[in-house]
Amino acid sequence: MATASTASAVSADSPATLYGPVSLVFGTAGLLAAVFAGLLGIGIPLLLGSLAVTFALLGLGRGLHRVCCGVGLTTGCLGLLYPILLAAAWA
């Protein structure tokens, strides 16, 4: 009787398959919100950037959609760090 390891296998209809595209969307939205931080405030880019980084790290941990997760991680970090550096420059 052979047993298959299902710890790393994720089915195609699992919600975990959306980590990559969701992180990409949140990262792009966070980066765009960071560009318009003067109009929107710095809270929205911080929230979207941190969500993008979180979902990207979850997706990279599962090994799903690595390119989307990498782009989401990069844009999320930029969207997260830009308002922080902007606030630090004014302090």
PDB file of N, CA and C in Angstrom:
ATOM      1  N   MET A   1       0.841  -1.167   0.000  1.00  0.00           N
ATOM      2  CA  MET A   1       0.000   0.000   0.000  1.00  0.00           C
ATOM      3  C   MET A   1       0.894   1.240   0.000  1.00  0.00           C
ATOM      4  N   ALA A   2       0.857   1.980  -1.060  1.00  0.00           N
ATOM      5  CA  ALA A   2       1.679   3.181  -1.185  1.00  0.00           C
ATOM      6  C   ALA A   2       0.899   4.391  -0.695  1.00  0.00           C
ATOM      7  N   THR A   3       1.583   5.230   0.056  1.00  0.00           N
ATOM      8  CA  THR A   3       0.960   6.470   0.537  1.00  0.00           C
ATOM      9  C   THR A   3       1.645   7.644  -0.123  1.00  0.00           C
ATOM     10  N   ALA A   4       0.862   8.572  -0.551  1.00  0.00           N
ATOM     11  CA  ALA A   4       1.408   9.760  -1.219  1.00  0.00           C
ATOM     12  C   ALA A   4       1.486  10.899  -0.219  1.00  0.00           C
ATOM     13  N   SER A   5       2.530  11.646  -0.305  1.00  0.00           N
ATOM     14  CA  SER A   5       2.696  12.807   0.566  1.00  0.00           C
ATOM     15  C   SER A   5       1.885  13.967   0.003  1.00  0.00           C
ATOM     16  N   THR A   6       0.889  14.393   0.752  1.00  0.00           N
ATOM     17  CA  THR A   6       0.040  15.492   0.292  1.00  0.00           C
ATOM     18  C   THR A   6       0.334  16.775   1.040  1.00  0.00           C
ATOM     19  N   ALA A   7       1.412  16.817   1.801  1.00  0.00           N
ATOM     20  CA  ALA A   7       1.717  18.020   2.577  1.00  0.00           C
ATOM     21  C   ALA A   7       2.094  19.182   1.665  1.00  0.00           C
ATOM     22  N   SER A   8       2.841  18.906   0.598  1.00  0.00           N
ATOM     23  CA  SER A   8       3.250  19.991  -0.284  1.00  0.00           C
ATOM     24  C   SER A   8       2.373  20.106  -1.525  1.00  0.00           C
ATOM     25  N   ALA A   9       1.533  19.125  -1.754  1.00  0.00           N
ATOM     26  CA  ALA A   9       0.667  19.156  -2.931  1.00  0.00           C
ATOM     27  C   ALA A   9      -0.582  19.971  -2.635  1.00  0.00           C
ATOM     28  N   VAL A  10      -0.898  20.893  -3.523  1.00  0.00           N
ATOM     29  CA  VAL A  10      -2.083  21.726  -3.384  1.00  0.00           C
ATOM     30  C   VAL A  10      -2.917  21.513  -4.623  1.00  0.00           C
ATOM     31  N   SER A  11      -4.196  21.255  -4.433  1.00  0.00           N
ATOM     32  CA  SER A  11      -5.052  21.012  -5.585  1.00  0.00           C
ATOM     33  C   SER A  11      -5.263  22.297  -6.374  1.00  0.00           C
ATOM     34  N   ALA A  12      -5.704  22.142  -7.595  1.00  0.00           N
ATOM     35  CA  ALA A  12      -5.853  23.285  -8.500  1.00  0.00           C
ATOM     36  C   ALA A  12      -6.964  24.230  -8.064  1.00  0.00           C
ATOM     37  N   ASP A  13      -7.920  23.749  -7.295  1.00  0.00           N
ATOM     38  CA  ASP A  13      -9.016  24.606  -6.868  1.00  0.00           C
ATOM     39  C   ASP A  13      -8.850  25.093  -5.429  1.00  0.00           C
ATOM     40  N   SER A  14      -7.665  24.971  -4.883  1.00  0.00           N
ATOM     41  CA  SER A  14      -7.392  25.417  -3.524  1.00  0.00           C
ATOM     42  C   SER A  14      -7.240  26.942  -3.491  1.00  0.00           C
ATOM     43  N   PRO A  15      -7.658  27.586  -2.423  1.00  0.00           N
ATOM     44  CA  PRO A  15      -7.453  29.031  -2.311  1.00  0.00           C
ATOM     45  C   PRO A  15      -5.973  29.425  -2.274  1.00  0.00           C
ATOM     46  N   ALA A  16      -5.098  28.490  -1.947  1.00  0.00           N
ATOM     47  CA  ALA A  16      -3.671  28.785  -1.896  1.00  0.00           C
ATOM     48  C   ALA A  16      -3.096  29.091  -3.278  1.00  0.00           C
ATOM     49  N   THR A  17      -3.775  28.690  -4.338  1.00  0.00           N
ATOM     50  CA  THR A  17      -3.278  28.992  -5.674  1.00  0.00           C
ATOM     51  C   THR A  17      -3.436  30.468  -6.019  1.00  0.00           C
ATOM     52  N   LEU A  18      -4.180  31.212  -5.222  1.00  0.00           N
ATOM     53  CA  LEU A  18      -4.391  32.636  -5.489  1.00  0.00           C
ATOM     54  C   LEU A  18      -3.395  33.541  -4.776  1.00  0.00           C
ATOM     55  N   TYR A  19      -2.455  32.982  -4.006  1.00  0.00           N
ATOM     56  CA  TYR A  19      -1.497  33.815  -3.289  1.00  0.00           C
ATOM     57  C   TYR A  19      -0.667  34.674  -4.241  1.00  0.00           C
ATOM     58  N   GLY A  20      -0.210  34.101  -5.341  1.00  0.00           N
ATOM     59  CA  GLY A  20       0.609  34.840  -6.298  1.00  0.00           C
ATOM     60  C   GLY A  20      -0.133  35.993  -6.960  1.00  0.00           C
ATOM     61  N   PRO A  21      -1.269  35.733  -7.598  1.00  0.00           N
ATOM     62  CA  PRO A  21      -1.998  36.830  -8.238  1.00  0.00           C
ATOM     63  C   PRO A  21      -2.498  37.892  -7.247  1.00  0.00           C
ATOM     64  N   VAL A  22      -2.895  37.467  -6.056  1.00  0.00           N
ATOM     65  CA  VAL A  22      -3.365  38.434  -5.057  1.00  0.00           C
ATOM     66  C   VAL A  22      -2.219  39.316  -4.597  1.00  0.00           C
ATOM     67  N   SER A  23      -1.038  38.735  -4.381  1.00  0.00           N
ATOM     68  CA  SER A  23       0.103  39.548  -3.979  1.00  0.00           C
ATOM     69  C   SER A  23       0.523  40.497  -5.091  1.00  0.00           C
ATOM     70  N   LEU A  24       0.385  40.062  -6.332  1.00  0.00           N
ATOM     71  CA  LEU A  24       0.701  40.935  -7.465  1.00  0.00           C
ATOM     72  C   LEU A  24      -0.259  42.122  -7.526  1.00  0.00           C
ATOM     73  N   VAL A  25      -1.537  41.871  -7.320  1.00  0.00           N
ATOM     74  CA  VAL A  25      -2.534  42.951  -7.346  1.00  0.00           C
ATOM     75  C   VAL A  25      -2.321  43.906  -6.182  1.00  0.00           C
ATOM     76  N   PHE A  26      -2.134  43.365  -4.974  1.00  0.00           N
ATOM     77  CA  PHE A  26      -1.915  44.230  -3.808  1.00  0.00           C
ATOM     78  C   PHE A  26      -0.606  45.014  -3.937  1.00  0.00           C
ATOM     79  N   GLY A  27       0.427  44.385  -4.470  1.00  0.00           N
ATOM     80  CA  GLY A  27       1.699  45.086  -4.634  1.00  0.00           C
ATOM     81  C   GLY A  27       1.617  46.215  -5.636  1.00  0.00           C
ATOM     82  N   THR A  28       0.957  45.961  -6.759  1.00  0.00           N
ATOM     83  CA  THR A  28       0.791  47.001  -7.771  1.00  0.00           C
ATOM     84  C   THR A  28      -0.078  48.137  -7.243  1.00  0.00           C
ATOM     85  N   ALA A  29      -1.168  47.790  -6.558  1.00  0.00           N
ATOM     86  CA  ALA A  29      -2.035  48.821  -5.991  1.00  0.00           C
ATOM     87  C   ALA A  29      -1.309  49.604  -4.895  1.00  0.00           C
ATOM     88  N   GLY A  30      -0.486  48.930  -4.106  1.00  0.00           N
ATOM     89  CA  GLY A  30       0.282  49.611  -3.071  1.00  0.00           C
ATOM     90  C   GLY A  30       1.319  50.549  -3.644  1.00  0.00           C
ATOM     91  N   LEU A  31       1.952  50.144  -4.731  1.00  0.00           N
ATOM     92  CA  LEU A  31       2.934  51.003  -5.372  1.00  0.00           C
ATOM     93  C   LEU A  31       2.274  52.213  -6.013  1.00  0.00           C
ATOM     94  N   LEU A  32       1.131  52.011  -6.637  1.00  0.00           N
ATOM     95  CA  LEU A  32       0.391  53.142  -7.205  1.00  0.00           C
ATOM     96  C   LEU A  32      -0.125  54.069  -6.109  1.00  0.00           C
ATOM     97  N   ALA A  33      -0.574  53.503  -5.005  1.00  0.00           N
ATOM     98  CA  ALA A  33      -1.033  54.333  -3.888  1.00  0.00           C
ATOM     99  C   ALA A  33       0.130  55.090  -3.249  1.00  0.00           C
ATOM    100  N   ALA A  34       1.329  54.503  -3.280  1.00  0.00           N
ATOM    101  CA  ALA A  34       2.496  55.192  -2.735  1.00  0.00           C
ATOM    102  C   ALA A  34       2.876  56.393  -3.600  1.00  0.00           C
ATOM    103  N   VAL A  35       2.673  56.264  -4.909  1.00  0.00           N
ATOM    104  CA  VAL A  35       2.962  57.390  -5.795  1.00  0.00           C
ATOM    105  C   VAL A  35       2.025  58.561  -5.488  1.00  0.00           C
ATOM    106  N   PHE A  36       0.783  58.230  -5.188  1.00  0.00           N
ATOM    107  CA  PHE A  36      -0.202  59.257  -4.876  1.00  0.00           C
ATOM    108  C   PHE A  36      -0.409  59.385  -3.364  1.00  0.00           C
ATOM    109  N   ALA A  37       0.650  59.191  -2.591  1.00  0.00           N
ATOM    110  CA  ALA A  37       0.550  59.244  -1.126  1.00  0.00           C
ATOM    111  C   ALA A  37       0.173  60.635  -0.642  1.00  0.00           C
ATOM    112  N   GLY A  38       0.494  61.659  -1.417  1.00  0.00           N
ATOM    113  CA  GLY A  38       0.122  63.015  -1.029  1.00  0.00           C
ATOM    114  C   GLY A  38      -1.377  63.224  -1.052  1.00  0.00           C
ATOM    115  N   LEU A  39      -2.060  62.512  -1.916  1.00  0.00           N
ATOM    116  CA  LEU A  39      -3.517  62.637  -2.000  1.00  0.00           C
ATOM    117  C   LEU A  39      -4.241  61.622  -1.124  1.00  0.00           C
ATOM    118  N   LEU A  40      -3.712  60.416  -1.042  1.00  0.00           N
ATOM    119  CA  LEU A  40      -4.398  59.330  -0.361  1.00  0.00           C
ATOM    120  C   LEU A  40      -3.968  59.144   1.090  1.00  0.00           C
ATOM    121  N   GLY A  41      -2.823  59.684   1.456  1.00  0.00           N
ATOM    122  CA  GLY A  41      -2.268  59.425   2.780  1.00  0.00           C
ATOM    123  C   GLY A  41      -1.336  58.226   2.730  1.00  0.00           C
ATOM    124  N   ILE A  42      -0.592  58.020   3.812  1.00  0.00           N
ATOM    125  CA  ILE A  42       0.395  56.948   3.791  1.00  0.00           C
ATOM    126  C   ILE A  42      -0.151  55.631   4.338  1.00  0.00           C
ATOM    127  N   GLY A  43      -1.354  55.636   4.866  1.00  0.00           N
ATOM    128  CA  GLY A  43      -1.908  54.409   5.431  1.00  0.00           C
ATOM    129  C   GLY A  43      -2.266  53.376   4.389  1.00  0.00           C
ATOM    130  N   ILE A  44      -2.785  53.818   3.263  1.00  0.00           N
ATOM    131  CA  ILE A  44      -3.220  52.879   2.214  1.00  0.00           C
ATOM    132  C   ILE A  44      -2.023  52.166   1.580  1.00  0.00           C
ATOM    133  N   PRO A  45      -0.944  52.858   1.216  1.00  0.00           N
ATOM    134  CA  PRO A  45       0.206  52.114   0.685  1.00  0.00           C
ATOM    135  C   PRO A  45       0.836  51.179   1.714  1.00  0.00           C
ATOM    136  N   LEU A  46       0.834  51.569   2.978  1.00  0.00           N
ATOM    137  CA  LEU A  46       1.377  50.685   4.007  1.00  0.00           C
ATOM    138  C   LEU A  46       0.545  49.421   4.146  1.00  0.00           C
ATOM    139  N   LEU A  47      -0.765  49.568   4.125  1.00  0.00           N
ATOM    140  CA  LEU A  47      -1.653  48.410   4.238  1.00  0.00           C
ATOM    141  C   LEU A  47      -1.528  47.501   3.025  1.00  0.00           C
ATOM    142  N   LEU A  48      -1.615  48.074   1.832  1.00  0.00           N
ATOM    143  CA  LEU A  48      -1.545  47.255   0.620  1.00  0.00           C
ATOM    144  C   LEU A  48      -0.172  46.616   0.457  1.00  0.00           C
ATOM    145  N   GLY A  49       0.877  47.347   0.781  1.00  0.00           N
ATOM    146  CA  GLY A  49       2.223  46.792   0.684  1.00  0.00           C
ATOM    147  C   GLY A  49       2.451  45.647   1.647  1.00  0.00           C
ATOM    148  N   SER A  50       1.966  45.796   2.877  1.00  0.00           N
ATOM    149  CA  SER A  50       2.147  44.721   3.850  1.00  0.00           C
ATOM    150  C   SER A  50       1.313  43.490   3.484  1.00  0.00           C
ATOM    151  N   LEU A  51       0.123  43.694   2.935  1.00  0.00           N
ATOM    152  CA  LEU A  51      -0.667  42.555   2.468  1.00  0.00           C
ATOM    153  C   LEU A  51       0.006  41.851   1.293  1.00  0.00           C
ATOM    154  N   ALA A  52       0.602  42.636   0.395  1.00  0.00           N
ATOM    155  CA  ALA A  52       1.300  42.039  -0.748  1.00  0.00           C
ATOM    156  C   ALA A  52       2.494  41.210  -0.287  1.00  0.00           C
ATOM    157  N   VAL A  53       3.252  41.734   0.661  1.00  0.00           N
ATOM    158  CA  VAL A  53       4.410  40.990   1.167  1.00  0.00           C
ATOM    159  C   VAL A  53       3.956  39.717   1.876  1.00  0.00           C
ATOM    160  N   THR A  54       2.890  39.807   2.649  1.00  0.00           N
ATOM    161  CA  THR A  54       2.381  38.637   3.368  1.00  0.00           C
ATOM    162  C   THR A  54       1.936  37.540   2.406  1.00  0.00           C
ATOM    163  N   PHE A  55       1.119  37.903   1.415  1.00  0.00           N
ATOM    164  CA  PHE A  55       0.638  36.895   0.470  1.00  0.00           C
ATOM    165  C   PHE A  55       1.768  36.364  -0.400  1.00  0.00           C
ATOM    166  N   ALA A  56       2.738  37.198  -0.734  1.00  0.00           N
ATOM    167  CA  ALA A  56       3.869  36.728  -1.537  1.00  0.00           C
ATOM    168  C   ALA A  56       4.708  35.722  -0.759  1.00  0.00           C
ATOM    169  N   LEU A  57       4.942  35.988   0.512  1.00  0.00           N
ATOM    170  CA  LEU A  57       5.716  35.040   1.309  1.00  0.00           C
ATOM    171  C   LEU A  57       4.951  33.732   1.523  1.00  0.00           C
ATOM    172  N   LEU A  58       3.644  33.825   1.690  1.00  0.00           N
ATOM    173  CA  LEU A  58       2.843  32.601   1.787  1.00  0.00           C
ATOM    174  C   LEU A  58       2.896  31.804   0.479  1.00  0.00           C
ATOM    175  N   GLY A  59       2.813  32.502  -0.642  1.00  0.00           N
ATOM    176  CA  GLY A  59       2.878  31.825  -1.932  1.00  0.00           C
ATOM    177  C   GLY A  59       4.238  31.234  -2.221  1.00  0.00           C
ATOM    178  N   LEU A  60       5.293  31.949  -1.846  1.00  0.00           N
ATOM    179  CA  LEU A  60       6.635  31.408  -2.050  1.00  0.00           C
ATOM    180  C   LEU A  60       6.877  30.213  -1.145  1.00  0.00           C
ATOM    181  N   GLY A  61       6.296  30.230   0.030  1.00  0.00           N
ATOM    182  CA  GLY A  61       6.425  29.087   0.928  1.00  0.00           C
ATOM    183  C   GLY A  61       5.733  27.855   0.389  1.00  0.00           C
ATOM    184  N   ARG A  62       4.628  28.042  -0.300  1.00  0.00           N
ATOM    185  CA  ARG A  62       3.908  26.915  -0.907  1.00  0.00           C
ATOM    186  C   ARG A  62       4.507  26.513  -2.244  1.00  0.00           C
ATOM    187  N   GLY A  63       5.277  27.399  -2.856  1.00  0.00           N
ATOM    188  CA  GLY A  63       5.891  27.092  -4.141  1.00  0.00           C
ATOM    189  C   GLY A  63       4.964  27.262  -5.325  1.00  0.00           C
ATOM    190  N   LEU A  64       3.957  28.094  -5.190  1.00  0.00           N
ATOM    191  CA  LEU A  64       2.980  28.293  -6.254  1.00  0.00           C
ATOM    192  C   LEU A  64       3.154  29.661  -6.893  1.00  0.00           C
ATOM    193  N   HIS A  65       3.103  29.723  -8.207  1.00  0.00           N
ATOM    194  CA  HIS A  65       3.189  30.980  -8.955  1.00  0.00           C
ATOM    195  C   HIS A  65       4.366  31.831  -8.470  1.00  0.00           C
ATOM    196  N   ARG A  66       5.546  31.286  -8.558  1.00  0.00           N
ATOM    197  CA  ARG A  66       6.723  31.963  -8.013  1.00  0.00           C
ATOM    198  C   ARG A  66       7.006  33.300  -8.687  1.00  0.00           C
ATOM    199  N   VAL A  67       6.731  33.427  -9.962  1.00  0.00           N
ATOM    200  CA  VAL A  67       6.990  34.698 -10.653  1.00  0.00           C
ATOM    201  C   VAL A  67       6.034  35.771 -10.142  1.00  0.00           C
ATOM    202  N   CYS A  68       4.753  35.436 -10.043  1.00  0.00           N
ATOM    203  CA  CYS A  68       3.771  36.395  -9.507  1.00  0.00           C
ATOM    204  C   CYS A  68       4.110  36.760  -8.078  1.00  0.00           C
ATOM    205  N   CYS A  69       4.520  35.780  -7.294  1.00  0.00           N
ATOM    206  CA  CYS A  69       4.883  36.057  -5.903  1.00  0.00           C
ATOM    207  C   CYS A  69       6.121  36.934  -5.813  1.00  0.00           C
ATOM    208  N   GLY A  70       7.093  36.701  -6.685  1.00  0.00           N
ATOM    209  CA  GLY A  70       8.301  37.523  -6.675  1.00  0.00           C
ATOM    210  C   GLY A  70       8.027  38.965  -7.068  1.00  0.00           C
ATOM    211  N   VAL A  71       7.203  39.143  -8.091  1.00  0.00           N
ATOM    212  CA  VAL A  71       6.841  40.503  -8.509  1.00  0.00           C
ATOM    213  C   VAL A  71       5.985  41.172  -7.437  1.00  0.00           C
ATOM    214  N   GLY A  72       5.065  40.419  -6.841  1.00  0.00           N
ATOM    215  CA  GLY A  72       4.246  40.960  -5.762  1.00  0.00           C
ATOM    216  C   GLY A  72       5.072  41.328  -4.545  1.00  0.00           C
ATOM    217  N   LEU A  73       6.082  40.517  -4.240  1.00  0.00           N
ATOM    218  CA  LEU A  73       6.975  40.818  -3.122  1.00  0.00           C
ATOM    219  C   LEU A  73       7.786  42.076  -3.386  1.00  0.00           C
ATOM    220  N   THR A  74       8.289  42.209  -4.598  1.00  0.00           N
ATOM    221  CA  THR A  74       9.087  43.380  -4.946  1.00  0.00           C
ATOM    222  C   THR A  74       8.252  44.656  -4.929  1.00  0.00           C
ATOM    223  N   THR A  75       7.108  44.640  -5.587  1.00  0.00           N
ATOM    224  CA  THR A  75       6.276  45.845  -5.613  1.00  0.00           C
ATOM    225  C   THR A  75       5.679  46.130  -4.246  1.00  0.00           C
ATOM    226  N   GLY A  76       5.379  45.091  -3.473  1.00  0.00           N
ATOM    227  CA  GLY A  76       4.881  45.297  -2.117  1.00  0.00           C
ATOM    228  C   GLY A  76       5.925  45.925  -1.223  1.00  0.00           C
ATOM    229  N   CYS A  77       7.178  45.486  -1.363  1.00  0.00           N
ATOM    230  CA  CYS A  77       8.257  46.092  -0.570  1.00  0.00           C
ATOM    231  C   CYS A  77       8.469  47.547  -0.953  1.00  0.00           C
ATOM    232  N   LEU A  78       8.413  47.831  -2.244  1.00  0.00           N
ATOM    233  CA  LEU A  78       8.558  49.222  -2.675  1.00  0.00           C
ATOM    234  C   LEU A  78       7.395  50.073  -2.175  1.00  0.00           C
ATOM    235  N   GLY A  79       6.181  49.547  -2.280  1.00  0.00           N
ATOM    236  CA  GLY A  79       5.023  50.269  -1.791  1.00  0.00           C
ATOM    237  C   GLY A  79       5.025  50.427  -0.287  1.00  0.00           C
ATOM    238  N   LEU A  80       5.666  49.513   0.417  1.00  0.00           N
ATOM    239  CA  LEU A  80       5.753  49.578   1.871  1.00  0.00           C
ATOM    240  C   LEU A  80       6.869  50.505   2.328  1.00  0.00           C
ATOM    241  N   LEU A  81       7.992  50.473   1.649  1.00  0.00           N
ATOM    242  CA  LEU A  81       9.144  51.267   2.078  1.00  0.00           C
ATOM    243  C   LEU A  81       9.071  52.727   1.651  1.00  0.00           C
ATOM    244  N   TYR A  82       8.419  53.017   0.552  1.00  0.00           N
ATOM    245  CA  TYR A  82       8.362  54.403   0.072  1.00  0.00           C
ATOM    246  C   TYR A  82       7.720  55.348   1.084  1.00  0.00           C
ATOM    247  N   PRO A  83       6.546  55.043   1.634  1.00  0.00           N
ATOM    248  CA  PRO A  83       5.987  55.971   2.632  1.00  0.00           C
ATOM    249  C   PRO A  83       6.812  56.057   3.910  1.00  0.00           C
ATOM    250  N   ILE A  84       7.447  54.943   4.284  1.00  0.00           N
ATOM    251  CA  ILE A  84       8.284  54.964   5.484  1.00  0.00           C
ATOM    252  C   ILE A  84       9.484  55.871   5.276  1.00  0.00           C
ATOM    253  N   LEU A  85      10.141  55.748   4.129  1.00  0.00           N
ATOM    254  CA  LEU A  85      11.285  56.607   3.838  1.00  0.00           C
ATOM    255  C   LEU A  85      10.862  58.054   3.636  1.00  0.00           C
ATOM    256  N   LEU A  86       9.684  58.255   3.075  1.00  0.00           N
ATOM    257  CA  LEU A  86       9.161  59.609   2.894  1.00  0.00           C
ATOM    258  C   LEU A  86       8.894  60.274   4.249  1.00  0.00           C
ATOM    259  N   ALA A  87       8.309  59.533   5.161  1.00  0.00           N
ATOM    260  CA  ALA A  87       8.062  60.056   6.516  1.00  0.00           C
ATOM    261  C   ALA A  87       9.349  60.288   7.267  1.00  0.00           C
ATOM    262  N   ALA A  88      10.344  59.428   7.058  1.00  0.00           N
ATOM    263  CA  ALA A  88      11.634  59.589   7.732  1.00  0.00           C
ATOM    264  C   ALA A  88      12.374  60.808   7.192  1.00  0.00           C
ATOM    265  N   ALA A  89      12.185  61.117   5.934  1.00  0.00           N
ATOM    266  CA  ALA A  89      12.851  62.288   5.351  1.00  0.00           C
ATOM    267  C   ALA A  89      12.290  63.587   5.903  1.00  0.00           C
ATOM    268  N   TRP A  90      11.001  63.579   6.264  1.00  0.00           N
ATOM    269  CA  TRP A  90      10.371  64.781   6.790  1.00  0.00           C
ATOM    270  C   TRP A  90      10.583  64.933   8.288  1.00  0.00           C
ATOM    271  N   ALA A  91      11.059  63.887   8.942  1.00  0.00           N
ATOM    272  CA  ALA A  91      11.242  63.950  10.398  1.00  0.00           C
ATOM    273  C   ALA A  91      12.516  64.665  10.773  1.00  0.00           C
TER     274      ALA A  91
END
